[in-house]
Protein backbone atom coordinates (compact mmCIF):
# COMPACT_ATOMS: atom_id res chain seq x y z
CA UNK A 1 0.00 0.00 0.00
CA UNK A 2 2.83 2.39 0.82
CA UNK A 3 4.40 1.97 -2.60
CA UNK A 4 1.04 2.43 -4.28
CA UNK A 5 0.48 5.69 -2.43
CA UNK A 6 3.96 6.96 -3.31
CA UNK A 7 3.54 6.41 -7.04
CA UNK A 8 0.02 7.62 -7.62
CA UNK A 9 -1.06 9.83 -4.73
CA UNK A 10 -0.94 13.00 -6.81
CA UNK A 11 -2.96 11.66 -9.71
CA UNK A 12 -5.59 10.02 -7.54
CA UNK A 13 -6.35 13.28 -5.80
CA UNK A 14 -7.23 14.60 -9.28
CA UNK A 15 -9.02 11.48 -10.44
CA UNK A 16 -11.46 11.29 -7.58
CA UNK A 17 -11.69 14.82 -6.21
CA UNK A 18 -14.81 14.61 -4.13
CA UNK A 19 -17.45 17.09 -3.23
CA UNK A 20 -16.29 20.55 -2.32
CA UNK A 21 -19.22 20.63 0.10
CA UNK A 22 -20.74 17.60 1.68
CA UNK A 23 -23.69 16.79 -0.56
CA UNK A 24 -22.87 18.84 -3.66
CA UNK A 25 -22.91 17.14 -7.04
CA UNK A 26 -19.82 15.26 -8.16
CA UNK A 27 -17.23 17.90 -9.18
CA UNK A 28 -16.53 18.92 -12.76
CA UNK A 29 -12.73 18.84 -12.37
CA UNK A 30 -12.36 15.04 -12.32
CA UNK A 31 -10.90 13.07 -15.19
CA UNK A 32 -13.77 12.23 -17.51
CA UNK A 33 -15.22 8.74 -17.44
CA UNK A 34 -14.69 8.67 -21.20
CA UNK A 35 -10.95 8.54 -20.60
CA UNK A 36 -10.79 6.83 -17.21
CA UNK A 37 -12.27 3.62 -15.73
CA UNK A 38 -11.14 1.79 -18.85
CA UNK A 39 -8.87 -0.88 -17.35
CA UNK A 40 -8.01 -2.70 -14.17
CA UNK A 41 -5.14 -0.30 -13.56
CA UNK A 42 -7.64 2.57 -13.47
CA UNK A 43 -9.61 0.76 -10.77
CA UNK A 44 -6.41 0.13 -8.83
CA UNK A 45 -5.74 3.87 -8.84
CA UNK A 46 -9.36 4.56 -7.94
CA UNK A 47 -9.08 2.16 -4.99
CA UNK A 48 -6.00 4.00 -3.75
CA UNK A 49 -7.93 7.25 -3.96
CA UNK A 50 -10.69 5.77 -1.82
CA UNK A 51 -8.16 4.71 0.82
CA UNK A 52 -6.35 8.06 0.67
CA UNK A 53 -9.57 9.86 1.63
CA UNK A 54 -9.12 8.35 5.11
CA UNK A 55 -6.03 10.49 5.68
CA UNK A 56 -8.07 13.50 6.79
CA UNK A 57 -6.91 14.79 10.17
CA UNK A 58 -10.04 13.93 12.14
CA UNK A 59 -10.00 10.31 10.92
CA UNK A 60 -6.28 9.61 11.17
CA UNK A 61 -3.36 11.50 12.74
CA UNK A 62 -5.69 13.87 14.62
CA UNK A 63 -6.86 11.14 17.01
CA UNK A 64 -5.18 12.87 20.02
CA UNK A 65 -7.37 15.91 19.34
CA UNK A 66 -10.45 13.68 19.45
CA UNK A 67 -9.33 12.64 22.95
CA UNK A 68 -9.29 16.32 23.90
CA UNK A 69 -13.08 16.16 23.58
CA UNK A 70 -12.87 14.15 26.80
CA UNK A 71 -11.10 14.22 30.16
CA UNK A 72 -7.85 12.94 28.62
CA UNK A 73 -6.26 16.02 27.10
CA UNK A 74 -6.20 19.76 26.42
CA UNK A 75 -5.84 21.16 22.89
CA UNK A 76 -3.82 24.29 23.48
CA UNK A 77 -4.44 25.58 19.94
CA UNK A 78 -8.15 24.63 19.91
CA UNK A 79 -7.55 22.20 17.04
CA UNK A 80 -10.86 21.08 15.56
CA UNK A 81 -12.60 23.66 17.81
CA UNK A 82 -12.52 21.03 20.56
CA UNK A 83 -12.13 23.62 23.33
CA UNK A 84 -15.27 25.38 22.15
CA UNK A 85 -17.12 22.07 22.18
CA UNK A 86 -15.78 21.16 25.63
CA UNK A 87 -16.95 24.53 26.94
CA UNK A 88 -20.51 23.95 25.73
CA UNK A 89 -20.29 26.05 22.58
CA UNK A 90 -21.47 23.24 20.31
CA UNK A 91 -23.89 24.61 17.75
CA UNK A 92 -24.52 24.38 13.98
CA UNK A 93 -21.86 27.04 13.26
CA UNK A 94 -19.12 25.92 15.67
CA UNK A 95 -17.00 24.64 12.78
CA UNK A 96 -13.86 22.59 13.32
CA UNK A 97 -14.65 18.92 13.73
CA UNK A 98 -18.38 19.68 13.99
CA UNK A 99 -18.24 20.53 10.27
CA UNK A 100 -15.22 18.51 9.15
CA UNK A 101 -16.43 15.09 10.30
CA UNK A 102 -19.69 15.59 8.39
CA UNK A 103 -18.20 17.06 5.23
CA UNK A 104 -15.18 14.80 4.94
CA UNK A 105 -17.23 11.68 5.64
CA UNK A 106 -19.60 12.50 2.81
CA UNK A 107 -16.71 13.38 0.51
CA UNK A 108 -15.23 9.95 1.19
CA UNK A 109 -18.62 8.31 0.68
CA UNK A 110 -18.88 10.08 -2.70
CA UNK A 111 -15.59 8.50 -3.78
CA UNK A 112 -16.87 5.07 -2.81
CA UNK A 113 -20.21 5.55 -4.57
CA UNK A 114 -18.52 6.70 -7.78
CA UNK A 115 -16.13 3.75 -7.65
CA UNK A 116 -19.01 1.29 -7.19
CA UNK A 117 -21.02 2.85 -10.01
CA UNK A 118 -18.11 2.57 -12.43
CA UNK A 119 -17.28 -0.95 -11.26
CA UNK A 120 -20.86 -2.10 -11.91
CA UNK A 121 -20.73 -0.67 -15.43
CA UNK A 122 -17.31 -2.09 -16.31
CA UNK A 123 -17.26 -5.22 -18.49
CA UNK A 124 -13.53 -5.64 -19.15
CA UNK A 125 -12.18 -9.17 -18.85
CA UNK A 126 -9.21 -7.98 -16.76
CA UNK A 127 -11.54 -7.54 -13.78
CA UNK A 128 -12.63 -11.05 -12.89
CA UNK A 129 -15.52 -11.84 -10.59
CA UNK A 130 -13.10 -12.50 -7.74
CA UNK A 131 -11.31 -9.16 -8.28
CA UNK A 132 -14.67 -7.38 -8.54
CA UNK A 133 -15.76 -8.76 -5.16
CA UNK A 134 -12.42 -7.80 -3.65
CA UNK A 135 -12.75 -4.21 -4.90
CA UNK A 136 -16.32 -3.93 -3.70
CA UNK A 137 -15.52 -5.43 -0.32
CA UNK A 138 -12.67 -2.98 0.28
CA UNK A 139 -14.55 0.17 -0.68
CA UNK A 140 -17.69 -0.88 1.19
CA UNK A 141 -15.49 -1.31 4.29
CA UNK A 142 -14.37 2.30 3.82
CA UNK A 143 -17.95 3.49 3.33
CA UNK A 144 -18.96 1.67 6.51
CA UNK A 145 -16.15 3.45 8.37
CA UNK A 146 -17.50 6.82 7.24
CA UNK A 147 -21.07 5.99 8.14
CA UNK A 148 -19.84 4.75 11.53
CA UNK A 149 -18.42 8.25 12.08
CA UNK A 150 -21.70 9.88 11.06
CA UNK A 151 -23.84 7.42 13.04
CA UNK A 152 -21.94 7.87 16.31
CA UNK A 153 -21.52 11.64 16.06
CA UNK A 154 -24.77 12.90 14.48
CA UNK A 155 -27.24 10.01 14.56
CA UNK A 156 -29.88 10.76 11.90
CA UNK A 157 -28.15 11.78 8.65
CA UNK A 158 -28.72 11.44 4.88
CA UNK A 159 -28.18 7.97 3.47
CA UNK A 160 -26.37 8.28 0.13
CA UNK A 161 -25.33 5.11 -1.71
CA UNK A 162 -25.29 6.39 -5.31
CA UNK A 163 -23.56 9.37 -6.97
CA UNK A 164 -25.85 12.40 -6.74
CA UNK A 165 -27.49 14.11 -9.70
CA UNK A 166 -29.32 17.38 -10.20
CA UNK A 167 -32.54 15.55 -9.45
CA UNK A 168 -31.51 14.14 -6.07
CA UNK A 169 -28.72 16.35 -4.77
CA UNK A 170 -30.82 17.57 -1.82
CA UNK A 171 -31.04 14.61 0.53
CA UNK A 172 -33.18 14.33 3.68
CA UNK A 173 -32.10 12.62 6.86
CA UNK A 174 -33.00 9.03 7.61
CA UNK A 175 -33.21 7.60 11.10
CA UNK A 176 -30.07 6.35 12.80
CA UNK A 177 -31.29 2.74 12.71
CA UNK A 178 -31.25 2.88 8.90
CA UNK A 179 -27.68 4.19 8.95
CA UNK A 180 -26.77 1.31 11.27
CA UNK A 181 -28.42 -1.12 8.86
CA UNK A 182 -26.35 0.28 5.98
CA UNK A 183 -23.15 -0.03 7.99
CA UNK A 184 -24.01 -3.61 8.85
CA UNK A 185 -24.88 -4.44 5.23
CA UNK A 186 -21.59 -3.02 3.95
CA UNK A 187 -19.54 -4.80 6.60
CA UNK A 188 -21.33 -8.10 6.11
CA UNK A 189 -20.47 -7.93 2.41
CA UNK A 190 -16.85 -7.19 3.28
CA UNK A 191 -16.72 -10.03 5.81
CA UNK A 192 -18.05 -12.48 3.22
CA UNK A 193 -15.90 -11.38 0.29
CA UNK A 194 -12.56 -10.07 1.53
CA UNK A 195 -9.46 -12.14 2.19
CA UNK A 196 -9.61 -14.39 5.22
CA UNK A 197 -5.89 -13.90 5.80
CA UNK A 198 -5.02 -11.58 8.71
CA UNK A 199 -4.28 -7.94 7.94
CA UNK A 200 -0.53 -8.31 8.51
CA UNK A 201 -0.42 -10.59 5.45
CA UNK A 202 -2.30 -8.06 3.30
CA UNK A 203 -0.99 -4.87 4.88
CA UNK A 204 -2.69 -1.80 3.40
CA UNK A 205 -5.84 -3.64 2.28
CA UNK A 206 -8.89 -4.21 4.47
CA UNK A 207 -9.50 -7.91 5.06
CA UNK A 208 -12.43 -9.88 6.42
CA UNK A 209 -11.20 -9.56 10.01
CA UNK A 210 -10.88 -5.77 9.58
CA UNK A 211 -14.58 -5.68 8.79
CA UNK A 212 -15.41 -7.95 11.75
CA UNK A 213 -13.44 -5.70 14.09
CA UNK A 214 -15.14 -2.55 12.81
CA UNK A 215 -18.55 -4.21 13.07
CA UNK A 216 -17.79 -5.11 16.70
CA UNK A 217 -16.93 -1.47 17.43
CA UNK A 218 -20.12 -0.24 15.77
CA UNK A 219 -22.30 -2.77 17.60
CA UNK A 220 -20.74 -2.07 21.00
CA UNK A 221 -21.82 1.54 20.48
CA UNK A 222 -25.31 0.55 19.36
CA UNK A 223 -25.72 -1.80 22.33
CA UNK A 224 -26.01 1.09 24.79
CA UNK A 225 -28.83 2.83 22.92
CA UNK A 226 -30.13 6.01 24.52
CA UNK A 227 -29.88 4.83 28.13
CA UNK A 228 -26.30 3.75 28.67
CA UNK A 229 -27.43 0.25 29.65
CA UNK A 230 -26.09 -2.55 27.46
CA UNK A 231 -28.38 -4.72 25.34
CA UNK A 232 -27.05 -8.23 26.00
CA UNK A 233 -28.38 -9.55 22.68
CA UNK A 234 -26.22 -7.09 20.78
CA UNK A 235 -23.33 -7.70 23.16
CA UNK A 236 -23.48 -11.40 22.33
CA UNK A 237 -22.90 -10.47 18.68
CA UNK A 238 -19.88 -8.45 19.81
CA UNK A 239 -18.37 -11.38 21.70
CA UNK A 240 -18.84 -13.67 18.70
CA UNK A 241 -17.14 -11.22 16.34
CA UNK A 242 -14.28 -10.58 18.76
CA UNK A 243 -13.64 -14.29 19.25
CA UNK A 244 -13.34 -14.76 15.48
CA UNK A 245 -10.83 -11.91 15.24
CA UNK A 246 -8.87 -13.00 18.33
CA UNK A 247 -8.20 -16.36 16.72
CA UNK A 248 -6.15 -14.71 13.95
CA UNK A 249 -4.01 -12.18 15.84
CA UNK A 250 -1.50 -11.98 18.66
CA UNK A 251 -0.47 -8.99 20.73
CA UNK A 252 2.63 -7.10 19.67
CA UNK A 253 5.49 -8.03 21.97
CA UNK A 254 6.26 -4.36 22.53
CA UNK A 255 3.41 -1.89 23.02
CA UNK A 256 5.32 0.94 21.33
CA UNK A 257 6.01 -1.12 18.17
CA UNK A 258 2.38 -0.59 17.16
CA UNK A 259 3.00 3.10 16.54
CA UNK A 260 6.57 3.31 15.20
CA UNK A 261 7.17 3.27 11.47
CA UNK A 262 9.72 0.47 11.24
CA UNK A 263 7.70 -2.02 13.30
CA UNK A 264 4.19 -1.56 11.89
CA UNK A 265 4.17 -3.50 8.66
CA UNK A 266 3.75 -7.18 9.52
CA UNK A 267 2.85 -6.48 13.14
CA UNK A 268 0.58 -9.33 14.27
CA UNK A 269 -1.65 -7.07 16.38
CA UNK A 270 -2.68 -4.59 13.69
CA UNK A 271 -6.07 -5.18 12.08
CA UNK A 272 -6.38 -2.00 10.00
CA UNK A 273 -4.25 1.12 9.52
CA UNK A 274 -4.32 4.34 7.50
CA UNK A 275 -1.04 4.48 5.65
CA UNK A 276 1.47 7.20 4.75
CA UNK A 277 4.81 7.22 2.91
CA UNK A 278 7.51 9.88 2.77
CA UNK A 279 8.48 12.03 1.00
CA UNK A 280 5.28 12.81 -0.93
CA UNK A 281 2.60 11.53 1.41
CA UNK A 282 3.32 12.44 5.02
CA UNK A 283 1.47 13.54 8.14
CA UNK A 284 2.42 16.18 10.74
CA UNK A 285 2.00 14.11 13.91
CA UNK A 286 5.61 14.37 15.10
CA UNK A 287 5.51 18.15 14.79
CA UNK A 288 2.01 18.53 16.28
CA UNK A 289 2.54 16.35 19.33
CA UNK A 290 6.31 16.15 19.76
CA UNK A 291 7.22 19.78 19.10
CA UNK A 292 4.05 21.83 19.54
CA UNK A 293 2.45 19.76 22.32
CA UNK A 294 -0.84 20.43 20.55
CA UNK A 295 -2.67 17.77 22.61
CA UNK A 296 -1.46 18.05 26.20
CA UNK A 297 -2.32 15.10 28.48
CA UNK A 298 -4.14 16.12 31.64
CA UNK A 299 -2.88 15.22 35.11
CA UNK A 300 -6.16 13.40 35.71
CA UNK A 301 -5.22 10.90 33.00
CA UNK A 302 -1.61 10.59 34.19
CA UNK A 303 -2.81 9.82 37.71
CA UNK A 304 -5.19 7.16 36.37
CA UNK A 305 -2.29 4.83 35.48
CA UNK A 306 -1.77 2.24 38.19
CA UNK A 307 1.47 1.35 39.91
CA UNK A 308 3.23 -1.91 39.15
CA UNK A 309 1.55 -3.53 42.16
CA UNK A 310 -1.81 -3.01 40.44
CA UNK A 311 -2.94 -0.34 42.91
CA UNK A 312 -4.08 3.19 42.11
CA UNK A 313 -2.21 6.46 42.48
CA UNK A 314 -2.53 7.58 46.08
CA UNK A 315 -3.50 4.08 47.22
CA UNK A 316 -0.35 2.17 46.32
CA UNK A 317 2.54 2.45 48.80
CA UNK A 318 4.68 3.05 45.71
CA UNK A 319 2.99 6.43 45.07
CA UNK A 320 5.59 9.10 44.34
CA UNK A 321 4.25 12.49 43.26
CA UNK A 322 7.76 13.81 42.55
CA UNK A 323 8.67 11.01 40.12
CA UNK A 324 5.44 10.32 38.19
CA UNK A 325 6.86 7.52 36.00
CA UNK A 326 8.62 5.55 38.74
CA UNK A 327 7.09 2.10 39.37
CA UNK A 328 4.12 2.92 37.16
CA UNK A 329 2.19 0.92 34.57
CA UNK A 330 4.73 0.97 31.67
CA UNK A 331 2.02 2.23 29.32
CA UNK A 332 2.25 5.63 31.01
CA UNK A 333 5.80 6.31 29.80
CA UNK A 334 4.95 4.81 26.40
CA UNK A 335 1.97 7.18 26.05
CA UNK A 336 3.03 10.41 27.80
CA UNK A 337 6.24 12.38 28.09
CA UNK A 338 7.04 14.92 30.78
CA UNK A 339 8.59 18.20 29.64
CA UNK A 340 10.80 16.69 26.90
CA UNK A 341 10.58 13.79 24.44
CA UNK A 342 13.08 11.13 25.49
CA UNK A 343 13.77 7.89 23.64
CA UNK A 344 17.22 7.34 25.15
CA UNK A 345 20.62 9.02 24.79
CA UNK A 346 20.92 10.90 21.51
CA UNK A 347 17.17 10.77 20.90
CA UNK A 348 15.91 13.71 22.90
CA UNK A 349 13.72 16.56 21.70
CA UNK A 350 12.85 19.71 23.60
CA UNK A 351 9.51 21.01 22.28
CA UNK A 352 9.54 24.55 20.91
CA UNK A 353 6.14 25.30 22.44
CA UNK A 354 5.21 25.47 26.12
CA UNK A 355 3.70 22.43 27.83
CA UNK A 356 0.54 23.82 29.47
CA UNK A 357 0.07 20.71 31.62
CA UNK A 358 3.74 19.74 31.81
CA UNK A 359 3.02 16.65 29.69
CA UNK A 360 2.91 15.70 26.01
CA UNK A 361 1.87 12.71 23.89
CA UNK A 362 4.79 10.40 23.03
CA UNK A 363 2.70 7.43 21.91
CA UNK A 364 2.72 8.12 18.17
CA UNK A 365 6.11 9.83 17.81
CA UNK A 366 8.84 8.31 15.65
CA UNK A 367 12.21 8.28 17.48
CA UNK A 368 14.20 8.37 14.24
CA UNK A 369 12.54 11.64 13.15
CA UNK A 370 14.06 13.71 15.97
CA UNK A 371 14.44 16.71 15.83
CA UNK A 372 10.80 17.44 15.06
CA UNK A 373 9.80 20.50 13.07
CA UNK A 374 8.26 21.82 9.86
CA UNK A 375 10.62 19.76 7.70
CA UNK A 376 9.89 16.45 9.46
CA UNK A 377 8.58 13.84 7.03
CA UNK A 378 6.46 11.60 9.22
CA UNK A 379 5.20 8.40 7.64
CA UNK A 380 3.95 6.44 10.65
CA UNK A 381 0.74 4.67 9.76
CA UNK A 382 -2.28 5.52 11.89
CA UNK A 383 -3.65 2.58 13.86
CA UNK A 384 -7.42 2.27 13.44
CA UNK A 385 -8.11 -1.26 14.68
CA UNK A 386 -5.89 -3.54 16.76
CA UNK A 387 -6.11 -6.63 18.91
CA UNK A 388 -5.71 -4.67 22.16
CA UNK A 389 -9.07 -2.99 21.52
CA UNK A 390 -10.64 -6.30 20.49
CA UNK A 391 -9.65 -7.87 23.84
CA UNK A 392 -11.19 -4.91 25.64
CA UNK A 393 -14.41 -5.09 23.64
CA UNK A 394 -14.61 -8.83 24.17
CA UNK A 395 -14.13 -8.49 27.93
CA UNK A 396 -16.68 -5.68 28.17
CA UNK A 397 -19.32 -7.53 26.14
CA UNK A 398 -18.73 -10.88 27.84
CA UNK A 399 -19.01 -9.24 31.26
CA UNK A 400 -22.36 -7.75 30.28
CA UNK A 401 -23.62 -11.09 28.94
CA UNK A 402 -22.26 -13.57 31.50
CA UNK A 403 -20.67 -11.52 34.25
CA UNK A 404 -16.97 -11.63 35.25
CA UNK A 405 -16.31 -15.21 34.16
CA UNK A 406 -12.96 -16.85 33.42
CA UNK A 407 -13.00 -15.62 29.82
CA UNK A 408 -13.22 -11.98 30.94
CA UNK A 409 -10.34 -12.43 33.39
CA UNK A 410 -8.24 -14.20 30.76
CA UNK A 411 -8.68 -11.45 28.18
CA UNK A 412 -7.65 -8.75 30.66
CA UNK A 413 -4.79 -10.83 32.06
CA UNK A 414 -3.43 -11.32 28.52
CA UNK A 415 -3.62 -7.60 27.75
CA UNK A 416 -2.01 -6.48 31.00
CA UNK A 417 0.70 -9.15 30.90
CA UNK A 418 2.05 -7.60 27.68
CA UNK A 419 3.34 -4.67 29.79
CA UNK A 420 4.03 -6.68 32.95
CA UNK A 421 0.97 -5.54 34.90
CA UNK A 422 -0.63 -8.01 37.35
CA UNK A 423 -4.03 -9.64 36.74
CA UNK A 424 -7.20 -8.19 38.20
CA UNK A 425 -7.99 -9.40 41.72
CA UNK A 426 -10.27 -12.42 41.98
CA UNK A 427 -13.88 -12.15 43.10
CA UNK A 428 -14.89 -8.92 41.36
CA UNK A 429 -18.61 -8.30 40.96
CA UNK A 430 -20.03 -7.55 37.52
CA UNK A 431 -20.09 -3.82 38.23
CA UNK A 432 -16.58 -3.85 39.69
CA UNK A 433 -15.33 -5.65 36.58
CA UNK A 434 -17.22 -3.16 34.40
CA UNK A 435 -15.37 -0.28 36.05
CA UNK A 436 -12.03 -2.10 35.77
CA UNK A 437 -12.52 -2.68 32.05
CA UNK A 438 -13.52 0.93 31.48
CA UNK A 439 -10.40 2.06 33.31
CA UNK A 440 -8.29 -0.34 31.25
CA UNK A 441 -9.72 1.09 28.03
CA UNK A 442 -8.73 4.58 29.12
CA UNK A 443 -5.08 3.74 29.75
CA UNK A 444 -4.58 1.21 26.94
CA UNK A 445 -6.23 3.28 24.20
CA UNK A 446 -5.31 6.79 25.38
CA UNK A 447 -5.16 9.31 22.52
CA UNK A 448 -6.29 6.78 19.92
CA UNK A 449 -9.48 8.84 19.55
CA UNK A 450 -11.82 6.51 21.45
CA UNK A 451 -12.32 8.16 24.86
CA UNK A 452 -15.05 10.50 23.55
CA UNK A 453 -16.65 7.53 21.76
CA UNK A 454 -16.70 5.66 25.09
CA UNK A 455 -18.18 8.47 27.16
CA UNK A 456 -20.93 8.97 24.60
CA UNK A 457 -21.95 5.32 24.33
CA UNK A 458 -21.87 4.81 28.10
CA UNK A 459 -23.89 8.04 28.48
CA UNK A 460 -21.37 9.41 30.93
CA UNK A 461 -20.82 12.76 29.20
CA UNK A 462 -22.54 14.85 31.85
CA UNK A 463 -21.40 12.69 34.78
CA UNK A 464 -17.72 12.78 33.85
CA UNK A 465 -17.28 16.12 32.11
CA UNK A 466 -19.53 18.38 34.18
CA UNK A 467 -17.83 17.15 37.34
CA UNK A 468 -14.32 17.28 35.91
CA UNK A 469 -12.02 19.68 37.73
CA UNK A 470 -8.68 18.87 36.18
CA UNK A 471 -8.82 20.75 32.88
CA UNK A 472 -7.46 24.14 31.90
CA UNK A 473 -10.90 25.19 30.63
CA UNK A 474 -14.36 24.79 32.17
CA UNK A 475 -16.36 21.88 30.76
CA UNK A 476 -20.08 22.11 30.04
CA UNK A 477 -21.95 19.11 28.67
CA UNK A 478 -25.65 19.26 27.78
CA UNK A 479 -27.64 16.11 27.12
CA UNK A 480 -28.28 17.23 23.54
CA UNK A 481 -24.53 16.89 22.89
CA UNK A 482 -24.89 13.12 22.66
CA UNK A 483 -25.80 13.94 19.06
CA UNK A 484 -24.00 16.84 17.41
CA UNK A 485 -25.77 19.40 15.25
CA UNK A 486 -25.50 19.15 11.48
CA UNK A 487 -23.48 21.98 9.90
CA UNK A 488 -25.75 24.98 9.32
CA UNK A 489 -24.39 25.50 5.82
CA UNK A 490 -25.76 22.07 4.84
CA UNK A 491 -29.16 22.92 6.31
CA UNK A 492 -29.22 26.18 4.36
CA UNK A 493 -28.17 24.58 1.07
CA UNK A 494 -30.90 21.97 1.29
CA UNK A 495 -33.71 24.50 1.12
CA UNK A 496 -35.58 22.86 3.97
CA UNK A 497 -35.04 19.25 2.90
CA UNK A 498 -32.39 18.61 5.57
CA UNK A 499 -33.76 19.11 9.08
CA UNK A 500 -31.51 20.05 12.00
CA UNK A 501 -31.06 17.67 14.93
CA UNK A 502 -33.30 18.41 17.95
CA UNK A 503 -32.58 21.30 20.36
CA UNK A 504 -30.11 23.15 18.11
């Protein structure tokens, strides 16, 4: 995938330029279908263009900013307008991620829909039935990813599965359950038709297990509905999907190898990634987080990492406020740096910007790119799905279905043993195990963009954020924020066809 991006990234941006605004007609500046979509090589380039649409900040390297929508971090430059959203200023004109997630998701969906339309019309013998199913399975996986974003953030949104025309360019919303059904349909097709090999054998291409993992994530969100109480029937589907994925993957020996360039390709934990390749297709993560400290971890998160005896900060006799990394869960030092980036002698970087909390995100930084700055060519792939999350989803779902049985303990013991942390104590109640798993998600997946997702599905937005005292800005969460408003510009363009979400 990396080589494919390097050779054709510039042309694919031209081939499949998607909508300038979310639901506009397909643009007039694409290569004409009279000269393109004429051979398998054209579809290969089109497929790369579909994948490259995932590189937008809010879907890839901007995941630490998504965590700043929670109690994990502070965005000192208000990236994605997350500080405005945290402070309660979430409205149809907030902009930032409130607009970008909507617009960029539909732009990516437009690429998929165009690809599928052209694939259905193509009769060339160089695209066999097997290749056709592979193409369709991959792009439908991508479309499902975009609709997952829309479903979890906005709820009721337009359902668009064909390229738009003058006759149907103004699309109404459909209910969230119909969006969920579309996601499920796309992923079920991908599960049935993509390669059954694990992702590390087809690195850069979604495989059947990628679709199963994404479906598990979507369903674990849907399971909590509007109440925050899990539907055990849906949770049973989650456990089944996770078990199938778990059979094909093993945890990376080293936690940090998941996020460093040289140790990603072929890593047996990775289930799907968004890929980059220097020098022509890079991302600014090293500069953003290693030099600018654009997503500053909050002390509340730092203090949530246990000590090596398995006890909490302030409870463990090992507690040492002066030396925050001493005798701590090793994931703390692999996720957060204090004051300066340190990967060992000769690999030290002193950020050019102040550290408002005293901490920065080290998790995704590439040691070999030091010193970080404007000229840094970062090509680390962005981890979207990995076995660590699957173990957490499995444990959470199994605990809701059957309580804290041996399978739940085993999944969490396996995950914690990777970093040398002790197993959970025996005899936990279902609710105690629930809280342990939720804590484990926070520290294992910190800054991977899932903390906000978790607070929303558990319906803990008001409970956690309105009572949170550890941020540099005041938090204000209203119940209506469980579903974001649609961008006002899209409402205006629709001429009344698109109706705003309630209470905005």
